[in-house]
Amino acid sequence: MKRFGKVIGFSALMTTMLAMTACGEVEETTNSDESSISTVTIGTASQGGTYYIYGGGLASLLESDLDVTSNVEVTGGPVHNMQLVQGGEIDIGMITMGPGYEGYTGTGEWAEGQELTDVRIAFPMYTTPFHWWALESSEVEDISDIEGQQVGVGPAGGTSGTYLPMIHDLLDLNTNNVQAGASDMTSQQMDGQLDIIGFAAGIPISAVTEVETQEDITFFGLDGERRDQVIEELPFFDEFTIPADTYETLDEDLETIALFNFGIVHKDMDEEFVYDLVKHYHENQDQMITTHSAAEEAVPEAIKNNQDIPLHPGAIKYYEEIDIDLPEEVLSE
């Protein structure tokens, strides 16, 4: 297991949890030959971000392949989803590895010492790179140019809203961070109320595409000594390159940092349902790619990008069945 340094976060969004198991809100039916689950709730993030789109694709797959109805919910993002799955308030959540590790081990300040050990990894998703963009008229061209400025950083509880303020603090940028959803931030940017936005999501981000069709924008990432500084302090980050063809107005590859994403469930989720979910998820990857191109990374081998949080037994059953050599650390107790 990796050793991670202490990170600075924010107070948990939720101060109470419902006392229920993760399957407590799932409707059951006696007509299924495999799993009794007929309805699930999928926790995503803000509208305009990749999670929300991806969640819709997952819901369609569950409906078409497993005859399971899904309620796709807007949430605060990965931090919030860790808490919601732990408390049994959603059935499937989407997380990045940073909040996943910090929540499971209780090491994130946002977790306030609570170890969210009822969470289990179910399936891999894609890489989430961090990048910033600014209106060209702002003359912001580099991360150092945002010092002392007002910057949109995403919703509280999301990957962006959690880690961008930390990154800005680590780099002594003294930014005034505005926490809001992707759609709200881009609306403010197009209205001239917000010059700079930082965000993390599977690429391309639809909200960014919307902005660049109406405004001239400049992209910038994180590289060199600044990137090294962030990865040293927050070692669950990796180096990443955003290809130049990701956006119409991005004319060269962009160096930055990234986290990998996973789908999570509660440890008590029905084992046959999780097995069926993971199996159909991988066997219908083309359907997920149609939903969002980021799903091209959602191959079975990508499950090994997690070496810290246990897998759900239903997921273990599937991956062992297709001969994926799982790390010993992730085999459920």
Protein backbone atom coordinates (compact mmCIF):
# COMPACT_ATOMS: atom_id res chain seq x y z
CA MET A 1 0.00 0.00 0.00
CA LYS A 2 1.22 3.46 -0.78
CA ARG A 3 2.01 5.80 2.04
CA PHE A 4 0.22 9.09 1.69
CA GLY A 5 0.91 12.38 3.41
CA LYS A 6 -1.69 14.31 5.37
CA VAL A 7 -3.80 16.58 3.20
CA ILE A 8 -5.87 19.60 4.06
CA GLY A 9 -9.53 19.45 3.12
CA PHE A 10 -12.82 20.92 4.27
CA SER A 11 -15.52 19.94 6.73
CA ALA A 12 -17.62 17.01 5.65
CA LEU A 13 -20.78 17.91 3.80
CA MET A 14 -22.81 15.45 5.80
CA THR A 15 -22.87 15.43 9.59
CA THR A 16 -25.32 12.59 9.92
CA MET A 17 -25.92 9.37 8.04
CA LEU A 18 -29.02 7.28 7.73
CA ALA A 19 -28.69 4.05 9.69
CA MET A 20 -29.26 1.52 6.95
CA THR A 21 -27.35 -0.93 4.81
CA ALA A 22 -26.40 -0.04 1.27
CA CYS A 23 -29.08 -2.34 -0.04
CA GLY A 24 -31.77 -0.99 2.24
CA GLU A 25 -33.27 1.35 -0.34
CA VAL A 26 -33.05 -1.08 -3.23
CA GLU A 27 -36.36 -2.40 -4.45
CA GLU A 28 -36.57 -6.16 -4.85
CA THR A 29 -38.52 -8.49 -7.05
CA THR A 30 -39.01 -12.26 -6.96
CA ASN A 31 -39.11 -12.57 -10.75
CA SER A 32 -35.35 -12.42 -11.46
CA ASP A 33 -33.38 -15.63 -11.97
CA GLU A 34 -30.12 -14.06 -10.80
CA SER A 35 -30.49 -10.93 -8.67
CA SER A 36 -33.46 -9.64 -6.70
CA ILE A 37 -32.57 -5.99 -7.37
CA SER A 38 -34.89 -4.04 -9.66
CA THR A 39 -34.08 -0.40 -8.88
CA VAL A 40 -30.85 1.37 -7.92
CA THR A 41 -29.71 4.93 -7.29
CA ILE A 42 -26.54 6.15 -9.02
CA GLY A 43 -24.65 9.05 -7.43
CA THR A 44 -22.80 11.19 -9.98
CA ALA A 45 -21.77 14.86 -9.61
CA SER A 46 -22.89 18.23 -11.00
CA GLN A 47 -24.72 18.59 -14.30
CA GLY A 48 -22.37 19.52 -17.12
CA GLY A 49 -19.63 17.23 -15.81
CA THR A 50 -18.60 13.82 -17.11
CA TYR A 51 -19.94 11.86 -14.10
CA TYR A 52 -23.50 12.94 -14.80
CA ILE A 53 -23.26 11.92 -18.46
CA TYR A 54 -21.50 8.65 -17.59
CA GLY A 55 -24.14 7.86 -14.98
CA GLY A 56 -26.82 8.23 -17.61
CA GLY A 57 -25.01 5.76 -19.84
CA LEU A 58 -24.66 3.30 -16.97
CA ALA A 59 -28.37 3.64 -16.22
CA SER A 60 -29.23 2.85 -19.85
CA LEU A 61 -27.02 -0.23 -19.76
CA LEU A 62 -28.63 -1.51 -16.56
CA GLU A 63 -32.09 -0.99 -18.05
CA SER A 64 -31.34 -2.70 -21.36
CA ASP A 65 -29.22 -5.59 -20.09
CA LEU A 66 -30.38 -6.30 -16.54
CA ASP A 67 -33.91 -4.86 -16.54
CA VAL A 68 -32.88 -2.67 -13.59
CA THR A 69 -34.26 0.86 -13.35
CA SER A 70 -31.81 3.54 -12.21
CA ASN A 71 -32.33 6.92 -10.59
CA VAL A 72 -29.37 9.10 -11.64
CA GLU A 73 -28.79 11.71 -8.92
CA VAL A 74 -26.79 14.93 -8.92
CA THR A 75 -24.40 14.90 -5.95
CA GLY A 76 -21.39 16.86 -4.74
CA GLY A 77 -19.07 14.37 -6.45
CA PRO A 78 -16.53 11.80 -5.20
CA VAL A 79 -16.21 12.95 -1.58
CA HIS A 80 -19.98 13.13 -1.26
CA ASN A 81 -20.41 9.79 -3.05
CA MET A 82 -18.03 8.07 -0.62
CA GLN A 83 -20.15 9.33 2.25
CA LEU A 84 -23.44 8.44 0.57
CA VAL A 85 -22.40 4.87 -0.27
CA GLN A 86 -20.99 4.40 3.23
CA GLY A 87 -24.31 5.53 4.70
CA GLY A 88 -26.44 3.46 2.32
CA GLU A 89 -28.08 6.50 0.71
CA ILE A 90 -27.04 5.62 -2.84
CA ASP A 91 -26.33 2.20 -4.33
CA ILE A 92 -23.65 2.99 -6.91
CA GLY A 93 -21.28 5.94 -6.66
CA MET A 94 -18.47 7.39 -8.75
CA ILE A 95 -15.17 8.41 -7.20
CA THR A 96 -11.64 9.44 -8.00
CA MET A 97 -8.79 7.65 -6.24
CA GLY A 98 -7.87 10.61 -4.00
CA PRO A 99 -11.20 10.81 -2.11
CA GLY A 100 -11.40 7.01 -2.29
CA TYR A 101 -8.14 6.50 -0.41
CA GLU A 102 -8.66 9.42 1.97
CA GLY A 103 -12.18 8.29 2.82
CA TYR A 104 -11.44 4.58 3.22
CA THR A 105 -8.47 5.27 5.50
CA GLY A 106 -10.00 8.30 7.22
CA THR A 107 -6.89 10.36 6.43
CA GLY A 108 -8.61 13.18 4.57
CA GLU A 109 -9.47 16.12 6.81
CA TRP A 110 -12.92 16.17 5.18
CA ALA A 111 -13.51 12.68 6.62
CA GLU A 112 -13.01 14.06 10.15
CA GLY A 113 -11.35 10.84 11.26
CA GLN A 114 -14.17 8.56 10.12
CA GLU A 115 -12.96 5.56 8.13
CA LEU A 116 -15.46 4.77 5.37
CA THR A 117 -14.59 1.09 5.37
CA ASP A 118 -17.97 -0.18 4.12
CA VAL A 119 -17.15 1.11 0.62
CA ARG A 120 -16.01 -1.37 -2.03
CA ILE A 121 -14.65 -0.85 -5.55
CA ALA A 122 -16.78 -2.43 -8.28
CA PHE A 123 -15.46 -1.34 -11.69
CA PRO A 124 -12.88 0.98 -13.33
CA MET A 125 -13.88 4.07 -15.30
CA TYR A 126 -11.31 6.49 -16.74
CA THR A 127 -8.63 9.05 -15.94
CA THR A 128 -9.64 12.47 -14.66
CA PRO A 129 -7.11 15.16 -15.61
CA PHE A 130 -7.04 18.58 -13.97
CA HIS A 131 -6.88 21.60 -16.23
CA TRP A 132 -7.72 25.27 -16.19
CA TRP A 133 -9.09 27.59 -18.84
CA ALA A 134 -9.53 31.34 -18.96
CA LEU A 135 -11.14 33.87 -21.24
CA GLU A 136 -8.51 35.06 -23.68
CA SER A 137 -9.41 38.63 -22.78
CA SER A 138 -8.19 37.99 -19.21
CA GLU A 139 -4.61 37.53 -20.51
CA VAL A 140 -4.19 34.54 -18.17
CA GLU A 141 -1.87 32.04 -19.85
CA ASP A 142 -0.23 30.09 -17.03
CA ILE A 143 -1.06 28.74 -13.57
CA SER A 144 1.06 31.49 -12.00
CA ASP A 145 -1.15 34.14 -13.62
CA ILE A 146 -4.14 33.20 -11.43
CA GLU A 147 -2.44 34.39 -8.25
CA GLY A 148 -4.83 36.49 -6.19
CA GLN A 149 -7.68 36.07 -8.66
CA GLN A 150 -11.20 34.66 -8.45
CA VAL A 151 -11.22 31.10 -9.80
CA GLY A 152 -14.10 28.65 -10.27
CA VAL A 153 -13.02 25.32 -8.78
CA GLY A 154 -16.10 23.07 -9.01
CA PRO A 155 -18.64 21.97 -6.41
CA ALA A 156 -17.83 21.33 -2.75
CA GLY A 157 -17.43 17.57 -2.28
CA GLY A 158 -16.32 16.98 -5.86
CA THR A 159 -12.82 16.14 -7.04
CA SER A 160 -12.29 19.67 -8.34
CA GLY A 161 -13.79 21.45 -5.35
CA THR A 162 -11.75 19.32 -2.96
CA TYR A 163 -8.31 19.34 -4.57
CA LEU A 164 -8.05 22.55 -6.58
CA PRO A 165 -8.12 24.73 -3.44
CA MET A 166 -5.40 22.48 -1.98
CA ILE A 167 -3.31 22.79 -5.13
CA HIS A 168 -3.70 26.57 -5.18
CA ASP A 169 -2.64 26.70 -1.52
CA LEU A 170 0.36 24.43 -2.11
CA LEU A 171 1.52 26.75 -4.89
CA ASP A 172 0.89 29.88 -2.78
CA LEU A 173 -1.51 31.31 -5.36
CA ASN A 174 -3.87 32.91 -2.80
CA THR A 175 -6.89 32.47 -5.06
CA ASN A 176 -10.46 33.36 -4.19
CA ASN A 177 -12.07 29.98 -4.91
CA VAL A 178 -15.65 29.91 -6.18
CA GLN A 179 -17.32 26.53 -5.58
CA ALA A 180 -20.10 25.69 -8.03
CA GLY A 181 -21.15 23.06 -10.55
CA ALA A 182 -19.67 22.91 -14.03
CA SER A 183 -22.77 24.29 -15.75
CA ASP A 184 -23.10 27.19 -13.31
CA MET A 185 -19.43 28.11 -13.63
CA THR A 186 -19.44 28.07 -17.41
CA SER A 187 -22.62 30.17 -17.48
CA GLN A 188 -20.86 32.73 -15.27
CA GLN A 189 -17.82 32.61 -17.52
CA MET A 190 -19.83 33.21 -20.68
CA ASP A 191 -21.65 36.07 -18.94
CA GLY A 192 -18.31 37.68 -18.10
CA GLN A 193 -18.68 37.13 -14.34
CA LEU A 194 -15.84 34.61 -14.01
CA ASP A 195 -12.62 34.76 -16.00
CA ILE A 196 -10.92 31.54 -14.84
CA ILE A 197 -12.17 28.01 -14.19
CA GLY A 198 -10.30 24.93 -13.01
CA PHE A 199 -11.99 21.55 -13.30
CA ALA A 200 -11.36 17.82 -13.23
CA ALA A 201 -13.44 15.35 -15.22
CA GLY A 202 -13.19 12.81 -18.00
CA ILE A 203 -12.24 14.55 -21.21
CA PRO A 204 -13.58 16.17 -23.24
CA ILE A 205 -15.70 18.04 -20.70
CA SER A 206 -18.95 19.05 -22.35
CA ALA A 207 -19.10 22.31 -20.38
CA VAL A 208 -15.72 23.34 -21.81
CA THR A 209 -16.83 22.50 -25.32
CA GLU A 210 -19.83 24.74 -24.81
CA VAL A 211 -17.66 27.68 -23.75
CA GLU A 212 -15.15 27.40 -26.59
CA THR A 213 -17.92 27.60 -29.19
CA GLN A 214 -18.85 31.05 -27.88
CA GLU A 215 -15.69 32.54 -26.38
CA ASP A 216 -11.96 32.61 -27.12
CA ILE A 217 -10.31 30.71 -24.27
CA THR A 218 -6.80 29.76 -23.19
CA PHE A 219 -6.01 26.35 -21.64
CA PHE A 220 -3.26 25.73 -19.11
CA GLY A 221 -2.22 22.80 -16.94
CA LEU A 222 0.48 21.94 -14.43
CA ASP A 223 4.03 20.84 -15.25
CA GLY A 224 7.65 21.09 -14.21
CA GLU A 225 8.56 21.93 -10.62
CA ARG A 226 5.00 22.90 -9.74
CA ARG A 227 3.69 19.51 -10.81
CA ASP A 228 6.47 17.75 -8.90
CA GLN A 229 5.57 19.78 -5.80
CA VAL A 230 1.91 18.77 -5.97
CA ILE A 231 2.62 15.06 -6.58
CA GLU A 232 5.11 14.97 -3.71
CA GLU A 233 2.48 16.34 -1.31
CA LEU A 234 -0.51 14.48 -2.82
CA PRO A 235 1.05 11.26 -4.19
CA PHE A 236 -2.23 9.72 -5.37
CA PHE A 237 -1.90 12.10 -8.35
CA ASP A 238 -0.16 11.01 -11.55
CA GLU A 239 1.35 12.91 -14.46
CA PHE A 240 -0.96 13.17 -17.46
CA THR A 241 -0.96 14.66 -20.96
CA ILE A 242 -4.20 15.98 -22.49
CA PRO A 243 -3.97 15.40 -26.26
CA ALA A 244 -4.15 18.48 -28.49
CA ASP A 245 -7.19 17.16 -30.35
CA THR A 246 -9.31 17.00 -27.16
CA TYR A 247 -10.71 20.50 -27.78
CA GLU A 248 -11.07 22.60 -30.91
CA THR A 249 -9.06 25.48 -29.46
CA LEU A 250 -6.30 23.39 -27.84
CA ASP A 251 -3.46 23.57 -30.35
CA GLU A 252 -0.84 21.47 -28.53
CA ASP A 253 -0.63 18.71 -25.94
CA LEU A 254 -1.21 19.95 -22.41
CA GLU A 255 0.84 18.63 -19.47
CA THR A 256 -1.00 18.31 -16.17
CA ILE A 257 -1.96 15.92 -13.32
CA ALA A 258 -4.73 13.34 -13.03
CA LEU A 259 -6.59 10.80 -10.87
CA PHE A 260 -8.22 7.52 -11.91
CA ASN A 261 -11.97 6.94 -11.41
CA PHE A 262 -13.90 3.93 -10.13
CA GLY A 263 -17.46 2.86 -9.53
CA ILE A 264 -18.19 1.95 -5.90
CA VAL A 265 -20.87 0.06 -3.98
CA HIS A 266 -21.53 -0.84 -0.35
CA LYS A 267 -19.89 -4.03 0.92
CA ASP A 268 -23.37 -5.50 1.57
CA MET A 269 -24.64 -4.95 -1.96
CA ASP A 270 -26.11 -8.14 -3.47
CA GLU A 271 -23.19 -10.19 -4.81
CA GLU A 272 -24.99 -11.53 -7.88
CA PHE A 273 -26.11 -8.04 -8.85
CA VAL A 274 -22.56 -6.65 -8.61
CA TYR A 275 -21.24 -9.59 -10.63
CA ASP A 276 -23.86 -9.01 -13.33
CA LEU A 277 -23.24 -5.25 -13.27
CA VAL A 278 -19.47 -5.62 -13.75
CA LYS A 279 -19.80 -8.35 -16.37
CA HIS A 280 -22.28 -6.43 -18.53
CA TYR A 281 -20.38 -3.17 -18.00
CA HIS A 282 -17.24 -4.64 -19.56
CA GLU A 283 -18.98 -6.72 -22.21
CA ASN A 284 -20.83 -3.61 -23.41
CA GLN A 285 -17.93 -1.16 -23.31
CA ASP A 286 -18.86 0.07 -26.78
CA GLN A 287 -22.21 1.25 -25.42
CA MET A 288 -20.46 3.20 -22.65
CA ILE A 289 -18.04 4.71 -25.20
CA THR A 290 -21.05 5.92 -27.17
CA THR A 291 -22.16 7.71 -24.00
CA HIS A 292 -18.72 9.28 -23.43
CA SER A 293 -15.39 8.61 -25.13
CA ALA A 294 -13.63 8.50 -21.73
CA ALA A 295 -15.02 4.95 -21.38
CA GLU A 296 -12.35 3.79 -23.83
CA GLU A 297 -10.17 3.38 -20.73
CA ALA A 298 -12.72 1.16 -18.95
CA VAL A 299 -11.05 -2.15 -19.81
CA PRO A 300 -10.97 -4.98 -17.24
CA GLU A 301 -7.21 -4.60 -16.65
CA ALA A 302 -7.81 -1.03 -15.46
CA ILE A 303 -9.23 -2.42 -12.22
CA LYS A 304 -5.59 -2.88 -11.17
CA ASN A 305 -5.19 0.91 -11.00
CA ASN A 306 -6.63 0.47 -7.51
CA GLN A 307 -4.30 -1.20 -5.03
CA ASP A 308 -5.68 0.18 -1.78
CA ILE A 309 -9.47 -0.23 -1.48
CA PRO A 310 -11.00 -3.75 -1.34
CA LEU A 311 -13.09 -4.95 -4.26
CA HIS A 312 -16.65 -6.15 -3.79
CA PRO A 313 -16.93 -9.99 -3.83
CA GLY A 314 -19.16 -9.82 -6.91
CA ALA A 315 -16.47 -7.87 -8.74
CA ILE A 316 -13.74 -10.25 -7.56
CA LYS A 317 -15.78 -13.17 -8.92
CA TYR A 318 -15.94 -11.59 -12.38
CA TYR A 319 -12.31 -10.48 -12.63
CA GLU A 320 -10.98 -13.83 -11.42
CA GLU A 321 -13.29 -15.55 -13.90
CA ILE A 322 -11.58 -13.70 -16.77
CA ASP A 323 -8.10 -14.30 -15.29
CA ILE A 324 -7.29 -10.79 -14.09
CA ASP A 325 -4.45 -11.10 -11.56
CA LEU A 326 -5.75 -8.95 -8.72
CA PRO A 327 -3.42 -7.45 -6.09
CA GLU A 328 -3.68 -9.24 -2.75
CA GLU A 329 -4.43 -5.91 -1.03
CA VAL A 330 -7.80 -5.48 -2.77
CA LEU A 331 -9.28 -8.90 -2.08
CA SER A 332 -12.24 -8.41 0.28
CA GLU A 333 -11.89 -9.70 3.81
